Amino acid sequence: MKPHVTSAVHAFSLIIISIIGYQITKSYTAFIPLIFGAVLLPLNKGIRFEDKIQSHIAVALTLLVTIALFKPFSSALADQDMGGMIRVGIMLLTGVVAFISFINSFIQARKRKRS
């Protein structure tokens, strides 16, 4: 899958699930992933056209938010909160897929550059 597509899916999942999470929990911390998603979306054009700086910023943000989501996921797991596990799990899954897509894209770009 193309990195700009997986990044867009990840950004939209962060935004939409954050809004849903806030409506369910009424906790303002649910908006933290929304902020990351809102920052990732404008970077998509640069990712699509292989802008090196924007792509690396997007990778860093994706990695940061994905790592940060492990704590809420473990808390939802410990509390046996199925809704929380599903919401955070979707954000984690899309983040991991986007990150892998970025890495594959960087590897392919390196190979193209060498040949």
Protein backbone atom coordinates (compact mmCIF):
# COMPACT_ATOMS: atom_id res chain seq x y z
CA MET A 1 0.00 0.00 0.00
CA LYS A 2 1.19 3.52 -0.71
CA PRO A 3 2.47 5.54 2.27
CA HIS A 4 0.25 8.55 1.59
CA VAL A 5 -2.83 6.32 1.66
CA THR A 6 -1.89 4.53 4.88
CA SER A 7 -0.92 7.83 6.48
CA ALA A 8 -4.27 9.38 5.51
CA VAL A 9 -6.16 6.37 6.87
CA HIS A 10 -4.15 6.62 10.08
CA ALA A 11 -4.77 10.38 10.40
CA PHE A 12 -8.50 9.99 9.80
CA SER A 13 -8.71 7.10 12.27
CA LEU A 14 -6.97 9.25 14.90
CA ILE A 15 -9.39 12.12 14.30
CA ILE A 16 -12.61 10.13 14.11
CA ILE A 17 -11.87 7.74 16.96
CA SER A 18 -10.73 10.64 19.18
CA ILE A 19 -14.09 12.35 18.67
CA ILE A 20 -15.93 9.10 19.39
CA GLY A 21 -13.75 8.50 22.45
CA TYR A 22 -14.49 11.96 23.80
CA GLN A 23 -18.23 11.47 23.33
CA ILE A 24 -18.05 8.23 25.28
CA THR A 25 -15.62 9.19 28.05
CA LYS A 26 -16.00 13.01 28.22
CA SER A 27 -12.24 13.12 28.85
CA TYR A 28 -10.29 15.88 27.14
CA THR A 29 -7.26 13.61 26.82
CA ALA A 30 -9.18 11.83 24.07
CA PHE A 31 -8.33 14.83 21.88
CA ILE A 32 -4.58 14.17 21.96
CA PRO A 33 -4.68 11.70 19.03
CA LEU A 34 -6.95 14.15 17.20
CA ILE A 35 -4.18 16.75 17.32
CA PHE A 36 -1.69 14.27 15.86
CA GLY A 37 -4.17 13.36 13.12
CA ALA A 38 -4.77 17.03 12.33
CA VAL A 39 -1.01 17.58 11.98
CA LEU A 40 -0.52 14.44 9.86
CA LEU A 41 -3.23 15.26 7.32
CA PRO A 42 -1.57 18.36 5.79
CA LEU A 43 1.68 16.41 5.48
CA ASN A 44 -0.02 13.95 3.11
CA LYS A 45 0.62 16.02 0.00
CA GLY A 46 4.35 16.02 0.73
CA ILE A 47 4.26 12.29 1.42
CA ARG A 48 2.49 11.66 -1.88
CA PHE A 49 5.11 13.58 -3.85
CA GLU A 50 7.96 12.06 -1.82
CA ASP A 51 9.03 15.26 -0.07
CA LYS A 52 11.80 13.97 2.17
CA ILE A 53 11.32 16.43 5.04
CA GLN A 54 7.54 16.09 5.25
CA SER A 55 7.79 12.31 4.99
CA HIS A 56 10.29 12.12 7.83
CA ILE A 57 8.17 14.43 10.00
CA ALA A 58 5.15 12.21 9.33
CA VAL A 59 7.13 9.08 10.21
CA ALA A 60 8.33 10.63 13.46
CA LEU A 61 4.79 11.71 14.42
CA THR A 62 3.36 8.33 13.47
CA LEU A 63 5.95 6.52 15.55
CA LEU A 64 5.45 8.89 18.48
CA VAL A 65 1.67 8.56 18.57
CA THR A 66 1.82 4.79 18.05
CA ILE A 67 4.20 4.35 20.98
CA ALA A 68 2.12 6.72 23.10
CA LEU A 69 -1.04 4.69 22.44
CA PHE A 70 0.39 1.59 24.12
CA LYS A 71 -0.31 3.05 27.59
CA PRO A 72 -4.05 3.67 26.98
CA PHE A 73 -4.29 0.27 25.33
CA SER A 74 -2.74 -1.47 28.34
CA SER A 75 -5.03 0.50 30.67
CA ALA A 76 -8.10 -0.51 28.65
CA LEU A 77 -6.85 -4.09 28.70
CA ALA A 78 -6.37 -4.03 32.49
CA ASP A 79 -9.81 -2.47 33.02
CA GLN A 80 -11.36 -4.99 30.62
CA ASP A 81 -12.82 -2.04 28.69
CA MET A 82 -13.71 -3.67 25.37
CA GLY A 83 -14.75 -0.39 23.75
CA GLY A 84 -11.49 1.27 24.76
CA MET A 85 -9.47 -1.69 23.53
CA ILE A 86 -11.20 -1.57 20.15
CA ARG A 87 -10.83 2.21 19.76
CA VAL A 88 -7.18 2.34 20.79
CA GLY A 89 -6.45 -0.93 18.99
CA ILE A 90 -7.68 0.50 15.69
CA MET A 91 -5.50 3.59 16.13
CA LEU A 92 -2.52 1.37 17.01
CA LEU A 93 -3.10 -0.95 14.07
CA THR A 94 -3.38 1.88 11.54
CA GLY A 95 -0.26 3.47 13.03
CA VAL A 96 1.77 0.28 12.72
CA VAL A 97 0.58 -0.27 9.14
CA ALA A 98 1.42 3.34 8.22
CA PHE A 99 4.86 3.04 9.83
CA ILE A 100 5.63 -0.20 7.96
CA SER A 101 4.44 1.41 4.74
CA PHE A 102 6.80 4.35 5.32
CA ILE A 103 9.75 2.06 5.98
CA ASN A 104 9.04 0.05 2.82
CA SER A 105 8.77 3.30 0.85
CA PHE A 106 12.13 4.52 2.19
CA ILE A 107 13.76 1.20 1.27
CA GLN A 108 12.35 1.37 -2.26
CA ALA A 109 13.50 4.99 -2.66
CA ARG A 110 17.00 4.00 -1.55
CA LYS A 111 17.06 1.16 -4.09
CA ARG A 112 15.90 3.49 -6.88
CA LYS A 113 18.57 5.99 -5.94
CA ARG A 114 21.36 3.35 -6.09
CA SER A 115 20.37 2.07 -9.52
